[in-house]
Amino acid sequence: MLYYLFDYLERHFDFFGAGVFRYISFRAGMAVIISLGFGTIYGKRLIDALRRLQVGETIRDLGLEGQLQKKGTPTMGGLIIIGSILIPTLLFARLDNIYVMLLIVSTVWLGLIGFLDDYIKVFKKDKEGLKGMFKIIGQVGLGLIVGLTLYFHDHVVIREFTGQINYNSIDNTPYRDIKSTITNVPFLKFNQFSYHDLIPFLPDDYTWIVYILVVVIIVTAVSNGANITDGIDGLAAGTSAIIGLTLGLFAYISGNAIFSNYLNILYIPGSAEIVIFCAAFTGACIGFLWYNSFPAQVFMGDTGSLTLGGLIAVLALTVRKELLIPIFCGIFPD
């Protein structure tokens, strides 16, 4: 929202310093600061509120030493993470960007599924929480939204330059924007992979079915994979912060025509705006880690773990680096 305010002030009133909001680096830095501040300052207040409500964690027995001593530690701390992500994103990102809109929807969607699961466990005293079938339905539903949006939305394209790139005047270089299911592994030659290669015996018109099926599987698998790591102090938050930082770097490169061409990465117009979300995501994880590192004062619960895992999947898909998910998320249990 602040982007539009300062853009208006600059264009109509030549407001001093307003132009700095056009820079991704400035807005990403502000997103990290606000995210960290919200998580560390309001996190303590939320933990105290959860204790007053007796929102205690039911521990999964993973056979770890001292694990059962954590019984009763406040859970649903994922609310800290969700707030720390959404507030900076809404303040500093361009909300007309399709990737930002998709990530905001994913955050709210997954947060609601996780919150409902935790609410049933804690307040309804049902250890099973939200029935697995309904949880899967929610994750599959989000996967369908993400897959359909990334495949059919007009602003989700890959830009290919058709002439010699003039690095001094990149805007004057001839190009074409194409709709494609191409993804790639960065830094390697001949590294592109199209989902049509999975069904070479069928026409291109059927590729979207395979692509959306893969998206649904990725979103569901990574979201559930992150879920169990909440039982170990700092593991989910710490690894997610590193993954978020890495995906933010890929988003920045993918949204820059010069860097992406030089590093042999797909150029995705508009994807640089994802950096703002990744900055907030990373700051939220680090801020939460302040209270979740050993000995944990709070657990994120399914409210946070389902959200973090699902967002990692959506982020990887938006920058077309989903082939790296086994490396990013190798520490997550199956």
Protein backbone atom coordinates (compact mmCIF):
# COMPACT_ATOMS: atom_id res chain seq x y z
CA MET A 1 0.00 0.00 0.00
CA LEU A 2 2.84 2.39 0.81
CA TYR A 3 4.23 1.85 -2.69
CA TYR A 4 1.11 3.40 -4.23
CA LEU A 5 1.02 6.23 -1.70
CA PHE A 6 4.60 7.33 -2.30
CA ASP A 7 4.26 6.80 -6.05
CA TYR A 8 1.30 9.20 -6.00
CA LEU A 9 3.22 11.72 -3.88
CA GLU A 10 6.18 11.61 -6.24
CA ARG A 11 4.16 11.98 -9.44
CA HIS A 12 1.84 14.75 -8.25
CA PHE A 13 3.83 16.61 -5.60
CA ASP A 14 7.44 15.69 -6.35
CA PHE A 15 7.69 14.55 -2.73
CA PHE A 16 11.32 14.35 -1.61
CA GLY A 17 12.57 10.76 -1.19
CA ALA A 18 9.37 9.13 -2.42
CA GLY A 19 11.15 7.61 -5.41
CA VAL A 20 13.11 5.25 -3.16
CA PHE A 21 10.00 3.08 -2.90
CA ARG A 22 10.50 2.08 -6.53
CA TYR A 23 13.58 0.09 -5.58
CA ILE A 24 13.12 -3.58 -4.76
CA SER A 25 16.15 -3.54 -2.46
CA PHE A 26 14.75 -0.75 -0.28
CA ARG A 27 11.30 -2.28 0.06
CA ALA A 28 12.77 -5.73 0.75
CA GLY A 29 14.98 -4.27 3.47
CA MET A 30 12.01 -2.52 5.06
CA ALA A 31 9.98 -5.74 4.85
CA VAL A 32 12.68 -7.61 6.79
CA ILE A 33 12.86 -4.92 9.46
CA ILE A 34 9.09 -4.73 9.96
CA SER A 35 8.77 -8.52 9.90
CA LEU A 36 11.51 -8.98 12.50
CA GLY A 37 10.10 -6.20 14.64
CA PHE A 38 6.58 -7.57 14.59
CA GLY A 39 7.75 -11.09 15.36
CA THR A 40 9.99 -10.19 18.27
CA ILE A 41 7.86 -7.46 19.85
CA TYR A 42 4.37 -8.85 19.43
CA GLY A 43 5.50 -12.47 19.57
CA LYS A 44 6.05 -12.26 23.32
CA ARG A 45 2.60 -10.79 23.84
CA LEU A 46 1.00 -13.53 21.79
CA ILE A 47 2.89 -16.22 23.73
CA ASP A 48 1.63 -14.75 27.01
CA ALA A 49 -1.90 -14.71 25.63
CA LEU A 50 -1.61 -18.35 24.53
CA ARG A 51 -0.41 -19.31 28.01
CA ARG A 52 -3.37 -17.56 29.60
CA LEU A 53 -5.67 -19.49 27.26
CA GLN A 54 -3.79 -22.70 28.12
CA VAL A 55 -3.09 -23.40 24.47
CA GLY A 56 -0.60 -26.22 25.11
CA GLU A 57 1.07 -28.53 22.62
CA THR A 58 0.38 -32.26 22.46
CA ILE A 59 3.79 -33.76 21.72
CA ARG A 60 4.34 -36.39 19.03
CA ASP A 61 6.61 -39.10 20.42
CA LEU A 62 9.60 -39.09 18.05
CA GLY A 63 11.87 -40.84 20.56
CA LEU A 64 13.97 -37.74 21.16
CA GLU A 65 15.62 -37.10 24.52
CA GLY A 66 13.70 -34.60 26.65
CA GLN A 67 10.94 -34.34 24.09
CA LEU A 68 8.06 -35.17 26.44
CA GLN A 69 9.20 -32.41 28.80
CA LYS A 70 7.89 -29.95 26.24
CA LYS A 71 4.31 -31.02 26.80
CA GLY A 72 2.20 -27.98 27.57
CA THR A 73 4.42 -25.53 25.66
CA PRO A 74 2.12 -22.99 23.95
CA THR A 75 1.27 -23.80 20.35
CA MET A 76 -0.45 -21.91 17.52
CA GLY A 77 2.62 -19.64 17.40
CA GLY A 78 2.27 -19.76 13.64
CA LEU A 79 0.01 -16.74 14.06
CA ILE A 80 3.21 -14.76 14.74
CA ILE A 81 4.68 -15.97 11.44
CA ILE A 82 1.55 -15.28 9.41
CA GLY A 83 1.23 -11.76 10.81
CA SER A 84 4.93 -11.10 10.25
CA ILE A 85 4.57 -12.14 6.60
CA LEU A 86 1.30 -10.46 5.68
CA ILE A 87 1.81 -7.03 7.29
CA PRO A 88 5.14 -6.14 5.56
CA THR A 89 3.92 -7.64 2.28
CA LEU A 90 0.74 -5.56 2.32
CA LEU A 91 2.73 -2.46 3.22
CA PHE A 92 5.62 -2.67 0.76
CA ALA A 93 4.73 -4.99 -2.14
CA ARG A 94 2.84 -4.06 -5.28
CA LEU A 95 -0.53 -5.64 -4.72
CA ASP A 96 -1.42 -5.62 -8.42
CA ASN A 97 1.33 -8.17 -9.08
CA ILE A 98 -0.16 -11.61 -9.79
CA TYR A 99 2.63 -13.43 -7.95
CA VAL A 100 2.20 -11.34 -4.81
CA MET A 101 -1.56 -11.79 -4.93
CA LEU A 102 -1.14 -15.56 -5.29
CA LEU A 103 1.26 -15.72 -2.33
CA ILE A 104 -1.05 -13.67 -0.11
CA VAL A 105 -3.98 -15.96 -0.96
CA SER A 106 -1.78 -19.01 -0.25
CA THR A 107 -0.72 -17.61 3.13
CA VAL A 108 -4.28 -16.94 4.26
CA TRP A 109 -5.59 -20.22 2.83
CA LEU A 110 -2.98 -22.44 4.47
CA GLY A 111 -3.08 -20.43 7.67
CA LEU A 112 -6.81 -21.05 7.99
CA ILE A 113 -6.37 -24.80 7.44
CA GLY A 114 -3.62 -24.99 10.05
CA PHE A 115 -5.50 -22.76 12.52
CA LEU A 116 -8.62 -24.92 12.24
CA ASP A 117 -6.52 -28.03 12.85
CA ASP A 118 -4.90 -26.51 15.96
CA TYR A 119 -8.20 -25.11 17.22
CA ILE A 120 -9.82 -28.55 17.13
CA LYS A 121 -6.84 -30.11 18.91
CA VAL A 122 -6.59 -27.50 21.64
CA PHE A 123 -10.10 -26.25 22.32
CA LYS A 124 -12.14 -29.27 21.25
CA LYS A 125 -9.66 -31.64 22.96
CA ASP A 126 -9.50 -33.84 19.85
CA LYS A 127 -5.92 -35.07 19.41
CA GLU A 128 -6.57 -35.94 15.77
CA GLY A 129 -7.40 -32.34 14.92
CA LEU A 130 -8.83 -31.64 11.51
CA LYS A 131 -9.59 -34.88 9.73
CA GLY A 132 -6.89 -35.80 7.25
CA MET A 133 -9.35 -35.91 4.38
CA PHE A 134 -10.43 -32.30 4.91
CA LYS A 135 -6.82 -31.17 5.30
CA ILE A 136 -5.88 -32.82 2.02
CA ILE A 137 -8.93 -31.31 0.32
CA GLY A 138 -7.80 -27.86 1.43
CA GLN A 139 -4.25 -28.41 0.19
CA VAL A 140 -5.41 -29.84 -3.11
CA GLY A 141 -7.77 -26.90 -3.49
CA LEU A 142 -4.88 -24.47 -3.09
CA GLY A 143 -2.79 -26.53 -5.51
CA LEU A 144 -5.55 -26.20 -8.11
CA ILE A 145 -5.71 -22.43 -7.60
CA VAL A 146 -1.93 -22.08 -7.91
CA GLY A 147 -1.67 -24.41 -10.91
CA LEU A 148 -4.55 -22.84 -12.84
CA THR A 149 -3.28 -19.33 -12.14
CA LEU A 150 0.31 -20.04 -13.17
CA TYR A 151 -0.81 -21.78 -16.35
CA PHE A 152 -3.67 -19.61 -17.57
CA HIS A 153 -3.12 -16.10 -16.20
CA ASP A 154 -2.11 -13.65 -18.92
CA HIS A 155 0.64 -12.01 -16.84
CA VAL A 156 2.43 -15.27 -16.02
CA VAL A 157 4.89 -15.56 -18.89
CA ILE A 158 8.50 -16.27 -19.72
CA ARG A 159 10.32 -13.61 -21.75
CA GLU A 160 12.70 -14.70 -24.47
CA PHE A 161 14.90 -12.17 -26.24
CA THR A 162 14.86 -12.65 -30.01
CA GLY A 163 17.81 -10.45 -30.84
CA GLN A 164 21.22 -9.49 -29.56
CA ILE A 165 20.82 -8.17 -26.03
CA ASN A 166 21.90 -4.58 -25.59
CA TYR A 167 22.84 -4.42 -21.91
CA ASN A 168 22.98 -0.62 -22.02
CA SER A 169 19.42 -0.42 -23.29
CA ILE A 170 17.68 -3.65 -22.39
CA ASP A 171 14.21 -2.22 -23.07
CA ASN A 172 15.04 -1.80 -26.75
CA THR A 173 16.01 -5.44 -27.25
CA PRO A 174 13.40 -7.40 -29.27
CA TYR A 175 11.62 -10.07 -27.24
CA ARG A 176 8.59 -12.29 -27.08
CA ASP A 177 6.54 -13.34 -24.07
CA ILE A 178 5.45 -16.97 -24.16
CA LYS A 179 3.09 -19.10 -22.10
CA SER A 180 4.98 -22.22 -21.18
CA THR A 181 5.37 -24.92 -18.53
CA ILE A 182 9.15 -24.77 -18.87
CA THR A 183 11.17 -24.98 -15.68
CA ASN A 184 14.91 -25.25 -15.18
CA VAL A 185 17.84 -25.99 -12.94
CA PRO A 186 19.92 -22.80 -12.68
CA PHE A 187 23.48 -22.23 -13.85
CA LEU A 188 23.54 -25.26 -16.19
CA LYS A 189 23.42 -25.36 -19.98
CA PHE A 190 20.61 -27.27 -21.69
CA ASN A 191 18.81 -27.22 -18.36
CA GLN A 192 15.23 -26.59 -19.42
CA PHE A 193 12.50 -29.10 -18.78
CA SER A 194 8.93 -28.89 -20.06
CA TYR A 195 6.10 -30.84 -18.49
CA HIS A 196 4.99 -31.77 -21.98
CA ASP A 197 7.99 -34.12 -22.05
CA LEU A 198 6.07 -36.29 -19.57
CA ILE A 199 3.36 -36.90 -22.18
CA PRO A 200 5.13 -36.61 -25.57
CA PHE A 201 2.55 -38.90 -27.12
CA LEU A 202 -0.27 -36.39 -26.49
CA PRO A 203 -0.92 -32.95 -28.04
CA ASP A 204 0.26 -29.79 -26.26
CA ASP A 205 -3.34 -29.01 -25.31
CA TYR A 206 -3.18 -31.67 -22.59
CA THR A 207 -0.01 -30.34 -20.94
CA TRP A 208 -1.94 -28.17 -18.49
CA ILE A 209 -3.53 -31.26 -16.93
CA VAL A 210 -0.13 -32.78 -16.14
CA TYR A 211 1.26 -29.47 -14.93
CA ILE A 212 -1.61 -28.81 -12.53
CA LEU A 213 -1.42 -32.38 -11.23
CA VAL A 214 2.28 -31.89 -10.48
CA VAL A 215 1.57 -28.55 -8.77
CA VAL A 216 -1.08 -30.16 -6.55
CA ILE A 217 1.32 -32.95 -5.56
CA ILE A 218 4.15 -30.51 -4.80
CA VAL A 219 2.02 -28.15 -2.68
CA THR A 220 0.45 -31.00 -0.72
CA ALA A 221 3.70 -32.92 -0.20
CA VAL A 222 5.87 -30.00 0.91
CA SER A 223 3.15 -28.57 3.17
CA ASN A 224 2.75 -31.90 4.95
CA GLY A 225 6.50 -32.52 4.98
CA ALA A 226 7.12 -29.32 6.94
CA ASN A 227 4.39 -30.19 9.43
CA ILE A 228 6.24 -32.77 11.53
CA THR A 229 9.42 -30.68 11.90
CA ASP A 230 7.63 -28.37 14.35
CA GLY A 231 8.24 -30.98 17.07
CA ILE A 232 11.96 -30.17 17.17
CA ASP A 233 13.10 -26.77 18.50
CA GLY A 234 13.90 -24.31 15.74
CA LEU A 235 14.10 -26.85 12.93
CA ALA A 236 11.12 -25.76 10.85
CA ALA A 237 11.70 -22.03 11.35
CA GLY A 238 15.47 -22.19 10.86
CA THR A 239 15.43 -24.24 7.67
CA SER A 240 12.51 -22.24 6.26
CA ALA A 241 14.43 -18.99 6.77
CA ILE A 242 17.34 -20.34 4.73
CA ILE A 243 15.01 -21.62 2.00
CA GLY A 244 13.13 -18.31 1.90
CA LEU A 245 16.37 -16.37 1.52
CA THR A 246 17.51 -18.66 -1.31
CA LEU A 247 14.19 -18.40 -3.16
CA GLY A 248 14.28 -14.63 -2.72
CA LEU A 249 17.66 -14.57 -4.45
CA PHE A 250 16.28 -16.65 -7.33
CA ALA A 251 13.26 -14.34 -7.55
CA TYR A 252 15.51 -11.29 -7.82
CA ILE A 253 17.64 -12.86 -10.53
CA SER A 254 14.61 -14.19 -12.42
CA GLY A 255 13.08 -10.70 -12.46
CA ASN A 256 16.23 -9.06 -13.81
CA ALA A 257 16.81 -9.43 -17.56
CA ILE A 258 20.58 -8.95 -17.38
CA PHE A 259 21.30 -11.22 -14.41
CA SER A 260 18.98 -13.98 -15.58
CA ASN A 261 20.51 -14.05 -19.05
CA TYR A 262 24.06 -14.04 -17.69
CA LEU A 263 23.35 -16.84 -15.19
CA ASN A 264 21.26 -18.90 -17.63
CA ILE A 265 18.06 -18.58 -15.57
CA LEU A 266 14.59 -18.07 -17.00
CA TYR A 267 13.59 -14.41 -17.17
CA ILE A 268 10.14 -14.03 -15.60
CA PRO A 269 8.78 -10.47 -15.86
CA GLY A 270 7.28 -9.27 -12.60
CA SER A 271 8.86 -11.98 -10.47
CA ALA A 272 11.25 -9.53 -8.77
CA GLU A 273 8.30 -8.36 -6.69
CA ILE A 274 8.37 -11.78 -5.01
CA VAL A 275 11.56 -10.61 -3.27
CA ILE A 276 9.42 -8.45 -0.97
CA PHE A 277 7.41 -11.48 0.10
CA CYS A 278 10.55 -13.60 0.54
CA ALA A 279 12.11 -10.88 2.68
CA ALA A 280 9.04 -10.81 4.92
CA PHE A 281 8.98 -14.63 4.95
CA THR A 282 12.64 -14.84 6.03
CA GLY A 283 12.23 -12.12 8.64
CA ALA A 284 9.15 -13.86 10.03
CA CYS A 285 11.03 -17.14 10.43
CA ILE A 286 14.01 -15.48 12.11
CA GLY A 287 11.77 -13.46 14.42
CA PHE A 288 9.86 -16.58 15.41
CA LEU A 289 13.13 -18.46 15.88
CA TRP A 290 13.94 -16.08 18.74
CA TYR A 291 11.21 -17.81 20.76
CA ASN A 292 11.34 -21.22 19.11
CA SER A 293 15.05 -21.99 19.49
CA PHE A 294 16.08 -24.33 22.29
CA PRO A 295 14.48 -24.32 24.80
CA ALA A 296 11.34 -23.47 22.82
CA GLN A 297 8.92 -21.04 24.43
CA VAL A 298 6.31 -21.67 21.76
CA PHE A 299 5.60 -24.03 18.88
CA MET A 300 4.19 -22.83 15.59
CA GLY A 301 1.68 -25.68 15.43
CA ASP A 302 -0.02 -26.64 12.20
CA THR A 303 -0.96 -22.97 11.84
CA GLY A 304 2.66 -22.22 11.03
CA SER A 305 4.12 -25.47 9.71
CA LEU A 306 1.46 -26.12 7.06
CA THR A 307 1.76 -22.50 5.98
CA LEU A 308 5.56 -22.48 5.75
CA GLY A 309 5.71 -25.73 3.79
CA GLY A 310 2.99 -24.69 1.38
CA LEU A 311 4.53 -21.26 0.81
CA ILE A 312 7.92 -22.78 0.05
CA ALA A 313 6.23 -24.93 -2.61
CA VAL A 314 4.34 -21.97 -4.11
CA LEU A 315 7.44 -19.77 -4.09
CA ALA A 316 9.49 -22.45 -5.87
CA LEU A 317 6.74 -22.86 -8.47
CA THR A 318 6.41 -19.14 -9.14
CA VAL A 319 10.14 -18.75 -9.87
CA ARG A 320 10.14 -22.12 -11.69
CA LYS A 321 12.67 -23.78 -9.40
CA GLU A 322 10.47 -26.63 -8.20
CA LEU A 323 13.05 -29.15 -9.44
CA LEU A 324 15.27 -27.93 -6.58
CA ILE A 325 12.67 -28.68 -3.89
CA PRO A 326 14.31 -32.04 -2.99
CA ILE A 327 17.46 -30.04 -2.16
CA PHE A 328 15.65 -27.19 -0.42
CA CYS A 329 13.41 -29.44 1.66
CA GLY A 330 15.54 -32.56 2.02
CA ILE A 331 15.53 -32.14 5.79
CA PHE A 332 11.74 -32.28 5.95
CA PRO A 333 10.46 -35.77 6.81
CA ASP A 334 8.49 -37.68 4.22
